[in-house]
Protein backbone atom coordinates (compact mmCIF):
# COMPACT_ATOMS: atom_id res chain seq x y z
CA UNK A 1 41.52 144.98 73.51
CA UNK A 2 45.02 145.22 72.03
CA UNK A 3 48.47 144.30 73.20
CA UNK A 4 51.09 146.32 71.38
CA UNK A 5 54.52 144.80 70.83
CA UNK A 6 56.90 146.71 68.56
CA UNK A 7 59.50 145.11 66.29
CA UNK A 8 62.29 146.65 68.38
CA UNK A 9 60.86 145.12 71.55
CA UNK A 10 60.76 141.72 69.91
CA UNK A 11 64.39 141.96 68.79
CA UNK A 12 65.69 143.13 72.17
CA UNK A 13 63.40 141.25 74.54
CA UNK A 14 63.62 137.87 72.85
CA UNK A 15 67.17 137.84 74.24
CA UNK A 16 65.83 137.92 77.79
CA UNK A 17 64.74 134.32 78.42
CA UNK A 18 68.29 133.06 78.91
CA UNK A 19 69.21 136.01 81.12
CA UNK A 20 66.05 135.60 83.21
CA UNK A 21 66.32 131.84 83.59
CA UNK A 22 65.63 130.85 87.16
CA UNK A 23 68.64 130.30 89.40
CA UNK A 24 67.30 127.06 90.79
CA UNK A 25 66.96 125.72 87.27
CA UNK A 26 70.62 126.36 86.46
CA UNK A 27 71.78 124.93 89.78
CA UNK A 28 69.50 121.92 89.45
CA UNK A 29 70.77 121.11 85.97
CA UNK A 30 74.43 121.60 86.98
CA UNK A 31 74.07 119.29 89.99
CA UNK A 32 72.34 116.70 87.78
CA UNK A 33 75.17 116.77 85.25
CA UNK A 34 77.79 116.35 87.97
CA UNK A 35 75.76 113.61 89.69
CA UNK A 36 75.24 111.73 86.43
CA UNK A 37 78.96 111.93 85.69
CA UNK A 38 79.80 110.57 89.15
CA UNK A 39 77.13 107.86 88.80
CA UNK A 40 78.72 106.77 85.53
CA UNK A 41 82.20 106.73 87.12
CA UNK A 42 80.99 104.63 90.05
CA UNK A 43 79.20 102.27 87.64
CA UNK A 44 82.42 101.97 85.62
CA UNK A 45 84.35 101.10 88.78
CA UNK A 46 81.78 98.43 89.61
CA UNK A 47 82.22 96.92 86.16
CA UNK A 48 86.01 97.13 86.47
CA UNK A 49 85.83 95.32 89.79
CA UNK A 50 83.73 92.59 88.22
CA UNK A 51 85.52 92.19 84.87
CA UNK A 52 88.89 93.93 85.35
CA UNK A 53 88.57 96.44 82.48
CA UNK A 54 89.50 100.15 82.66
CA UNK A 55 88.37 101.13 79.16
CA UNK A 56 84.75 101.41 80.26
CA UNK A 57 85.77 104.08 82.82
CA UNK A 58 86.80 106.36 79.95
CA UNK A 59 83.87 105.64 77.66
CA UNK A 60 80.92 105.32 80.06
CA UNK A 61 80.68 108.85 81.62
CA UNK A 62 80.43 110.82 78.34
CA UNK A 63 78.22 108.14 76.78
CA UNK A 64 75.86 108.22 79.78
CA UNK A 65 75.63 112.02 79.60
CA UNK A 66 74.90 111.82 75.86
CA UNK A 67 72.14 109.27 76.52
CA UNK A 68 70.59 111.57 79.14
CA UNK A 69 70.82 114.56 76.79
CA UNK A 70 69.31 112.61 73.92
CA UNK A 71 66.30 111.71 76.07
CA UNK A 72 65.96 115.29 77.38
CA UNK A 73 66.39 114.42 81.05
CA UNK A 74 67.83 117.90 81.67
CA UNK A 75 65.05 119.79 79.89
CA UNK A 76 63.10 122.48 81.72
CA UNK A 77 59.89 120.54 81.11
CA UNK A 78 61.10 117.60 83.24
CA UNK A 79 63.08 119.18 86.06
CA UNK A 80 61.57 118.51 89.46
CA UNK A 81 58.61 116.55 88.07
CA UNK A 82 59.50 113.16 89.51
CA UNK A 83 57.78 110.58 87.34
CA UNK A 84 58.69 112.27 84.06
CA UNK A 85 62.33 112.65 85.14
CA UNK A 86 62.51 108.98 86.07
CA UNK A 87 60.99 107.84 82.79
CA UNK A 88 63.52 109.83 80.79
CA UNK A 89 66.41 108.38 82.80
CA UNK A 90 65.10 104.86 82.21
CA UNK A 91 64.71 105.49 78.48
CA UNK A 92 68.28 106.80 78.39
CA UNK A 93 69.51 103.72 80.27
CA UNK A 94 67.77 101.45 77.77
CA UNK A 95 69.41 103.41 74.93
CA UNK A 96 72.90 103.03 76.44
CA UNK A 97 73.48 99.54 74.98
CA UNK A 98 72.41 100.87 71.57
CA UNK A 99 74.95 103.71 71.84
CA UNK A 100 77.59 101.20 72.90
CA UNK A 101 76.76 99.03 69.91
CA UNK A 102 77.08 102.04 67.61
CA UNK A 103 80.49 102.88 69.08
CA UNK A 104 81.45 99.23 68.66
CA UNK A 105 80.72 99.25 64.93
CA UNK A 106 82.15 102.72 64.22
CA UNK A 107 85.32 102.84 66.31
CA UNK A 108 86.30 99.49 67.72
CA UNK A 109 85.52 95.82 67.48
CA UNK A 110 86.13 95.17 71.15
CA UNK A 111 83.23 92.93 72.16
CA UNK A 112 84.35 93.10 75.79
CA UNK A 113 83.78 96.85 75.85
CA UNK A 114 80.31 96.40 74.34
CA UNK A 115 79.45 93.89 77.05
CA UNK A 116 80.79 96.10 79.85
CA UNK A 117 78.91 99.16 78.62
CA UNK A 118 75.68 97.20 78.49
CA UNK A 119 76.19 95.84 82.00
CA UNK A 120 77.12 99.30 83.33
CA UNK A 121 73.65 100.66 82.52
CA UNK A 122 72.25 98.85 85.58
CA UNK A 123 74.44 100.36 88.34
CA UNK A 124 74.38 103.77 86.64
CA UNK A 125 70.56 103.74 86.72
CA UNK A 126 70.45 102.47 90.31
CA UNK A 127 72.57 105.45 91.35
CA UNK A 128 70.98 108.11 89.09
CA UNK A 129 67.35 107.53 90.14
CA UNK A 130 67.85 108.02 93.92
CA UNK A 131 69.93 111.13 93.22
CA UNK A 132 67.06 112.62 91.22
CA UNK A 133 64.58 111.65 93.91
CA UNK A 134 66.71 113.36 96.58
CA UNK A 135 67.13 116.51 94.51
CA UNK A 136 63.42 116.65 93.71
CA UNK A 137 62.47 116.32 97.39
CA UNK A 138 64.94 119.06 98.30
CA UNK A 139 63.55 121.34 95.59
CA UNK A 140 59.97 120.74 96.73
CA UNK A 141 60.92 121.55 100.32
CA UNK A 142 62.41 124.84 99.13
CA UNK A 143 59.19 125.59 97.22
CA UNK A 144 57.16 124.80 100.36
CA UNK A 145 59.27 127.38 102.23
CA UNK A 146 58.58 129.94 99.51
CA UNK A 147 62.05 129.82 97.94
CA UNK A 148 62.94 129.46 94.24
CA UNK A 149 59.28 129.78 93.26
CA UNK A 150 58.09 131.28 90.00
CA UNK A 151 56.28 134.61 90.38
CA UNK A 152 53.06 133.94 88.50
CA UNK A 153 50.31 136.07 86.98
CA UNK A 154 46.89 134.46 86.48
CA UNK A 155 44.84 135.77 83.55
CA UNK A 156 41.22 134.88 82.78
CA UNK A 157 37.68 134.72 84.22
CA UNK A 158 37.16 134.91 87.97
CA UNK A 159 35.36 131.56 88.31
CA UNK A 160 38.12 129.64 86.55
CA UNK A 161 40.83 131.41 88.55
CA UNK A 162 39.11 130.60 91.86
CA UNK A 163 39.05 126.90 90.92
CA UNK A 164 42.66 126.96 89.71
CA UNK A 165 43.93 128.66 92.87
CA UNK A 166 42.13 126.10 95.06
CA UNK A 167 43.82 123.28 93.15
CA UNK A 168 47.26 124.90 93.34
CA UNK A 169 47.00 125.59 97.07
CA UNK A 170 45.91 122.11 98.03
CA UNK A 171 48.98 120.58 96.40
CA UNK A 172 51.49 121.74 99.06
CA UNK A 173 54.91 122.86 97.85
CA UNK A 174 54.90 123.64 94.14
CA UNK A 175 56.71 125.99 91.80
CA UNK A 176 54.03 128.54 90.91
CA UNK A 177 53.46 131.40 93.34
CA UNK A 178 50.49 133.54 92.35
CA UNK A 179 51.40 137.21 92.61
CA UNK A 180 48.20 138.64 91.20
CA UNK A 181 45.35 138.36 88.73
CA UNK A 182 44.28 140.09 85.52
CA UNK A 183 40.54 139.48 85.10
CA UNK A 184 38.47 139.20 81.96
CA UNK A 185 35.46 140.05 84.15
CA UNK A 186 36.68 142.81 86.52
CA UNK A 187 33.17 143.18 87.97
CA UNK A 188 33.82 139.94 89.91
CA UNK A 189 37.05 141.16 91.51
CA UNK A 190 35.61 140.64 95.00
CA UNK A 191 35.71 136.85 94.53
CA UNK A 192 39.46 137.02 93.85
CA UNK A 193 40.20 139.31 96.77
CA UNK A 194 38.60 136.76 99.10
CA UNK A 195 41.50 134.47 98.13
CA UNK A 196 44.00 137.08 99.29
CA UNK A 197 45.18 137.86 95.74
CA UNK A 198 45.38 141.37 94.29
CA UNK A 199 43.43 142.17 91.13
CA UNK A 200 45.95 144.05 88.96
CA UNK A 201 43.73 144.97 86.03
CA UNK A 202 42.11 143.43 83.01
CA UNK A 203 43.46 141.15 80.29
CA UNK A 204 44.71 144.15 78.36
CA UNK A 205 46.92 145.17 81.28
CA UNK A 206 48.93 141.95 81.22
CA UNK A 207 51.96 143.47 79.49
CA UNK A 208 52.32 146.31 82.00
CA UNK A 209 51.81 144.01 84.98
CA UNK A 210 54.47 141.55 83.77
CA UNK A 211 56.96 144.41 83.41
CA UNK A 212 56.13 146.06 86.74
CA UNK A 213 56.18 142.95 88.96
CA UNK A 214 58.95 140.94 87.31
CA UNK A 215 56.57 138.11 86.49
CA UNK A 216 58.30 134.92 85.33
CA UNK A 217 55.23 132.83 84.44
CA UNK A 218 51.81 133.71 83.00
CA UNK A 219 48.98 131.21 83.38
CA UNK A 220 46.04 131.94 81.09
CA UNK A 221 42.59 130.41 81.36
CA UNK A 222 40.28 130.22 78.34
CA UNK A 223 37.81 133.10 78.16
CA UNK A 224 34.59 131.96 76.41
CA UNK A 225 33.73 135.37 74.98
CA UNK A 226 37.12 135.96 73.31
CA UNK A 227 38.63 134.41 70.19
CA UNK A 228 41.92 132.58 69.68
CA UNK A 229 43.71 135.72 68.50
CA UNK A 230 43.60 137.12 72.04
CA UNK A 231 45.43 134.12 73.47
CA UNK A 232 47.88 134.24 70.59
CA UNK A 233 48.72 137.89 71.33
CA UNK A 234 49.09 137.05 75.02
CA UNK A 235 51.56 134.30 74.10
CA UNK A 236 53.49 136.76 71.92
CA UNK A 237 53.64 139.25 74.76
CA UNK A 238 54.89 136.62 77.19
CA UNK A 239 57.57 135.54 74.69
CA UNK A 240 58.66 139.16 74.16
CA UNK A 241 58.97 139.59 77.93
CA UNK A 242 60.94 136.34 78.28
CA UNK A 243 58.42 134.62 80.57
CA UNK A 244 56.77 131.21 80.45
CA UNK A 245 53.25 131.12 79.05
CA UNK A 246 51.03 128.30 80.33
CA UNK A 247 47.50 127.62 79.14
CA UNK A 248 45.35 126.00 81.82
CA UNK A 249 42.91 123.40 80.43
CA UNK A 250 39.24 123.48 81.31
CA UNK A 251 39.58 120.02 82.87
CA UNK A 252 41.58 119.54 86.05
CA UNK A 253 42.56 116.34 87.88
CA UNK A 254 43.96 114.85 84.65
CA UNK A 255 47.49 113.44 84.82
CA UNK A 256 49.97 114.63 82.21
CA UNK A 257 50.46 111.07 80.96
CA UNK A 258 46.84 111.04 79.71
CA UNK A 259 47.27 114.21 77.67
CA UNK A 260 48.58 114.42 74.12
CA UNK A 261 48.46 117.11 71.45
CA UNK A 262 46.94 116.00 68.13
CA UNK A 263 47.40 118.65 65.41
CA UNK A 264 44.53 118.73 62.90
CA UNK A 265 44.72 121.23 60.02
CA UNK A 266 46.93 123.48 62.12
CA UNK A 267 44.67 123.27 65.19
CA UNK A 268 46.42 121.69 68.23
CA UNK A 269 43.66 119.51 69.68
CA UNK A 270 44.21 118.13 73.17
CA UNK A 271 43.50 114.40 73.39
CA UNK A 272 42.56 113.01 76.82
CA UNK A 273 43.12 109.28 77.02
CA UNK A 274 40.41 107.31 78.78
CA UNK A 275 41.37 105.63 82.09
CA UNK A 276 42.82 102.18 81.44
CA UNK A 277 40.94 99.99 83.93
CA UNK A 278 40.64 96.77 81.94
CA UNK A 279 41.36 93.45 83.63
CA UNK A 280 44.41 92.84 81.44
CA UNK A 281 45.99 96.20 82.25
CA UNK A 282 45.40 95.64 85.96
CA UNK A 283 46.68 92.05 86.00
CA UNK A 284 50.21 93.10 87.13
CA UNK A 285 48.62 95.06 89.97
CA UNK A 286 46.58 92.02 91.03
CA UNK A 287 49.66 89.79 91.04
CA UNK A 288 51.74 92.34 92.95
CA UNK A 289 48.97 92.97 95.49
CA UNK A 290 48.39 89.36 96.40
CA UNK A 291 52.05 88.32 96.32
CA UNK A 292 53.23 91.23 98.46
CA UNK A 293 50.28 90.90 100.87
CA UNK A 294 50.98 87.18 101.34
CA UNK A 295 54.66 87.88 101.98
CA UNK A 296 53.80 90.58 104.52
CA UNK A 297 51.39 88.23 106.31
CA UNK A 298 54.15 85.64 106.69
CA UNK A 299 56.59 88.29 107.89
CA UNK A 300 54.14 89.91 110.33
CA UNK A 301 52.35 86.77 111.57
CA UNK A 302 53.96 86.82 115.03
CA UNK A 303 53.54 90.59 115.62
CA UNK A 304 49.89 90.33 114.55
CA UNK A 305 49.30 87.48 117.00
CA UNK A 306 50.83 89.59 119.78
CA UNK A 307 48.62 92.56 118.85
CA UNK A 308 45.55 90.33 118.91
CA UNK A 309 46.52 89.08 122.39
CA UNK A 310 47.01 92.62 123.69
CA UNK A 311 43.62 93.71 122.29
CA UNK A 312 41.90 90.82 124.09
CA UNK A 313 43.68 91.57 127.37
CA UNK A 314 42.97 95.32 127.19
CA UNK A 315 39.18 95.08 126.92
CA UNK A 316 36.40 92.55 126.56
CA UNK A 317 35.41 91.49 123.07
CA UNK A 318 36.98 89.81 120.03
CA UNK A 319 40.45 90.75 118.77
CA UNK A 320 39.21 91.31 115.23
CA UNK A 321 36.52 93.76 114.14
CA UNK A 322 34.44 92.64 111.15
CA UNK A 323 32.39 95.08 109.11
CA UNK A 324 30.56 95.01 105.79
CA UNK A 325 32.18 97.27 103.22
CA UNK A 326 31.60 97.86 99.52
CA UNK A 327 34.22 96.81 96.99
CA UNK A 328 34.65 97.04 93.24
CA UNK A 329 31.45 97.25 91.19
CA UNK A 330 29.42 97.53 94.43
CA UNK A 331 30.16 94.00 95.68
CA UNK A 332 30.00 93.64 99.47
CA UNK A 333 32.73 91.97 101.51
CA UNK A 334 33.70 91.61 105.16
CA UNK A 335 36.61 93.88 106.02
CA UNK A 336 38.89 92.90 108.91
CA UNK A 337 40.63 95.19 111.39
CA UNK A 338 41.98 94.87 114.89
CA UNK A 339 39.24 96.02 117.26
CA UNK A 340 39.96 99.50 118.59
CA UNK A 341 36.58 100.32 120.19
CA UNK A 342 34.32 99.04 122.91
CA UNK A 343 31.94 96.27 121.83
CA UNK A 344 28.91 98.61 122.25
CA UNK A 345 30.42 101.36 120.05
CA UNK A 346 27.68 101.29 117.40
CA UNK A 347 24.96 101.77 120.03
CA UNK A 348 26.74 104.89 121.29
CA UNK A 349 27.21 106.47 117.87
CA UNK A 350 23.97 108.47 117.94
CA UNK A 351 25.11 110.25 121.13
CA UNK A 352 28.26 111.48 119.35
CA UNK A 353 26.74 112.81 116.11
CA UNK A 354 27.26 116.42 117.23
CA UNK A 355 31.03 115.79 117.44
CA UNK A 356 31.39 114.47 113.89
CA UNK A 357 34.31 116.29 112.22
CA UNK A 358 33.05 115.28 108.77
CA UNK A 359 29.55 116.71 108.97
CA UNK A 360 30.08 118.14 105.46
CA UNK A 361 29.87 114.68 103.94
CA UNK A 362 29.13 111.00 104.55
CA UNK A 363 32.02 110.08 106.84
CA UNK A 364 31.68 109.78 110.61
CA UNK A 365 34.88 110.66 112.47
CA UNK A 366 35.20 111.97 116.03
CA UNK A 367 38.50 113.27 117.38
CA UNK A 368 39.09 111.92 120.88
CA UNK A 369 36.26 109.40 120.42
CA UNK A 370 35.41 108.08 123.94
CA UNK A 371 34.51 104.69 122.49
CA UNK A 372 38.16 103.99 121.56
CA UNK A 373 40.10 101.77 123.95
CA UNK A 374 43.57 102.56 125.31
CA UNK A 375 45.27 100.06 123.01
CA UNK A 376 42.94 101.06 120.19
CA UNK A 377 44.14 104.65 120.34
CA UNK A 378 47.74 103.52 119.78
CA UNK A 379 46.75 101.09 117.04
CA UNK A 380 44.90 103.85 115.17
CA UNK A 381 47.72 106.39 115.44
CA UNK A 382 50.21 103.83 114.16
CA UNK A 383 47.75 102.32 111.60
CA UNK A 384 48.52 98.86 113.00
CA UNK A 385 44.78 98.24 113.32
CA UNK A 386 44.64 97.88 109.52
CA UNK A 387 47.12 95.01 109.23
CA UNK A 388 44.38 92.31 109.07
CA UNK A 389 43.24 93.89 105.81
CA UNK A 390 46.20 92.09 104.23
CA UNK A 391 43.91 89.05 104.40
CA UNK A 392 41.33 90.98 102.36
CA UNK A 393 44.02 91.75 99.80
CA UNK A 394 45.06 88.11 99.52
CA UNK A 395 41.40 87.09 99.07
CA UNK A 396 41.00 89.64 96.27
CA UNK A 397 38.49 91.91 98.02
CA UNK A 398 40.93 94.81 98.35
CA UNK A 399 44.16 96.14 96.86
CA UNK A 400 47.24 97.47 98.57
CA UNK A 401 46.46 100.87 96.97
CA UNK A 402 43.02 102.25 96.17
CA UNK A 403 40.16 104.44 97.45
CA UNK A 404 38.94 104.12 101.04
CA UNK A 405 36.56 101.14 101.44
CA UNK A 406 33.10 102.71 101.98
CA UNK A 407 30.22 101.51 104.12
CA UNK A 408 27.00 100.32 102.39
CA UNK A 409 25.00 103.27 103.79
CA UNK A 410 27.58 105.69 102.38
CA UNK A 411 27.31 104.15 98.92
CA UNK A 412 23.52 104.44 99.00
CA UNK A 413 23.94 108.23 99.28
CA UNK A 414 26.53 108.47 96.48
CA UNK A 415 25.81 110.62 93.46
CA UNK A 416 26.50 109.08 90.02
CA UNK A 417 29.85 110.94 89.91
CA UNK A 418 31.03 109.61 93.27
CA UNK A 419 30.09 106.05 92.26
CA UNK A 420 33.12 106.09 89.94
CA UNK A 421 35.11 105.24 93.08
CA UNK A 422 33.65 101.73 92.77
CA UNK A 423 35.37 101.06 89.42
CA UNK A 424 38.47 99.88 91.27
CA UNK A 425 39.06 97.84 94.41
CA UNK A 426 39.33 99.76 97.67
CA UNK A 427 42.83 99.97 99.11
CA UNK A 428 44.66 99.45 102.35
CA UNK A 429 46.34 102.77 101.55
CA UNK A 430 45.66 105.45 98.95
CA UNK A 431 45.77 109.13 98.11
CA UNK A 432 43.22 109.86 100.84
CA UNK A 433 45.29 108.07 103.46
CA UNK A 434 48.63 109.73 102.57
CA UNK A 435 47.10 113.22 102.26
CA UNK A 436 45.63 113.71 105.71
CA UNK A 437 42.96 111.00 106.19
CA UNK A 438 40.23 112.11 108.59
CA UNK A 439 41.48 115.73 108.66
CA UNK A 440 40.40 116.14 105.02
CA UNK A 441 36.92 117.46 104.21
CA UNK A 442 34.58 115.08 102.42
CA UNK A 443 34.79 116.95 99.12
CA UNK A 444 38.59 116.73 99.15
CA UNK A 445 38.52 113.00 99.95
CA UNK A 446 36.17 112.40 97.02
CA UNK A 447 38.36 114.47 94.70
CA UNK A 448 41.44 112.43 95.62
CA UNK A 449 39.66 109.10 95.14
CA UNK A 450 38.20 110.09 91.76
CA UNK A 451 41.58 111.42 90.68
CA UNK A 452 43.12 108.06 91.56
CA UNK A 453 40.52 106.15 89.54
CA UNK A 454 40.91 108.35 86.47
CA UNK A 455 44.71 108.53 86.54
CA UNK A 456 45.59 105.07 87.80
CA UNK A 457 48.94 103.59 86.81
CA UNK A 458 51.46 101.24 88.37
CA UNK A 459 53.84 104.17 88.89
CA UNK A 460 51.11 106.03 90.82
CA UNK A 461 50.62 102.98 93.05
CA UNK A 462 54.36 102.76 93.72
CA UNK A 463 54.54 106.47 94.62
CA UNK A 464 51.62 106.11 97.06
CA UNK A 465 53.23 103.07 98.69
CA UNK A 466 56.47 105.03 99.11
CA UNK A 467 54.55 107.92 100.73
CA UNK A 468 52.60 105.63 103.07
CA UNK A 469 55.53 105.09 105.45
CA UNK A 470 56.01 108.80 106.17
CA UNK A 471 52.23 109.29 106.44
CA UNK A 472 52.05 106.56 109.10
CA UNK A 473 54.95 108.09 111.03
CA UNK A 474 53.30 111.54 110.96
CA UNK A 475 49.94 110.10 111.99
CA UNK A 476 48.07 113.06 110.47
CA UNK A 477 44.32 112.47 110.58
CA UNK A 478 44.69 109.06 112.24
CA UNK A 479 42.05 108.89 114.97
């Protein structure tokens, strides 16, 4: 297999990347620059109002832009990626006082200006982060509607491509839009066609396919039977055509923050950092969980009492439902919920087995379950039935964010891989809850929980908490 690229093609086509840069990328970067400039102006006005100085209004906007440029917050690699964009903005905000100090020593000895520039970093950051969040959400909505997406060619073995496509499709709106496949094993083309993707040839046809379809991104998967020179030639071809070349790792479900390239004798080795689940690293999470849960209990004490009263008046039985669940390291605890079913619900379960929507796994969920009371149906749709679990969080049995708390009989059927869910405390909310809850198949629920365990961070917890509100309002999978 050969991929021919002449010297003339290299000279002419290496000029294409700038010309073929995506429109959304240019617009996104332009809007960010304008928004950052306005954020700096507003921050300067805030400082002027507080300290009565106009000089900062002249110095802050260009200095803020320089700080953002220095920390690559406008780079292609960060645009629309949320967490990475925010981190770069925060690093730039931290660097702003250092830039102000440098200007102080080089150009002026005005200590008041140094103070004002340092103070201005706070309002500028408070404005810049929500702007980026809003722009990112807008961009993702456009991707979900099929707009501004990158026409993508997948290259590699059929089995790896099937797995990659399943991961890409389950993520909702995202940039890559698979236009076709070039297979290293064309005899398995039928597997790809089942996905609704055209097979456009073999690996050696990549160059022609990129030209014919106007491909903007090539995603290559490692092919065991080929050597590194093949991938290198593919990268050269992509560069000559002015398209992005992405190499998909063998491992999926690994967050970018856990990946780092470690060059060794010219070989770029990919280092995967082990999940950081030590007690010390999770201490801030423990403190935040219990403090916030206690505050919410105080705030919601009266509404919870009213819910308990309504549950008792609606049907016979206790207001609270108690059930044994399995927590971290397999420890059992009593989970609390507002009762949403008839008292004899467990005795009736066997009669409803044929209606179980999760027959592919260990969960038991029935849509339109006749055992659910009138009030219980509302409590489930609104997730108000889970409020008593705040007591479990305060007691240390659960976290605000984590995997779904499993039943003991479910855990007994776990494989060794699935038991990794028990390395962290179960959560009142989590990736499973904000991604569809009971509508998700068992395999998908397990994937989300294991992904949370392996990629846990405080920023991930915060993002899940922010998504919980909209998930509750939608009520998807809540029954």
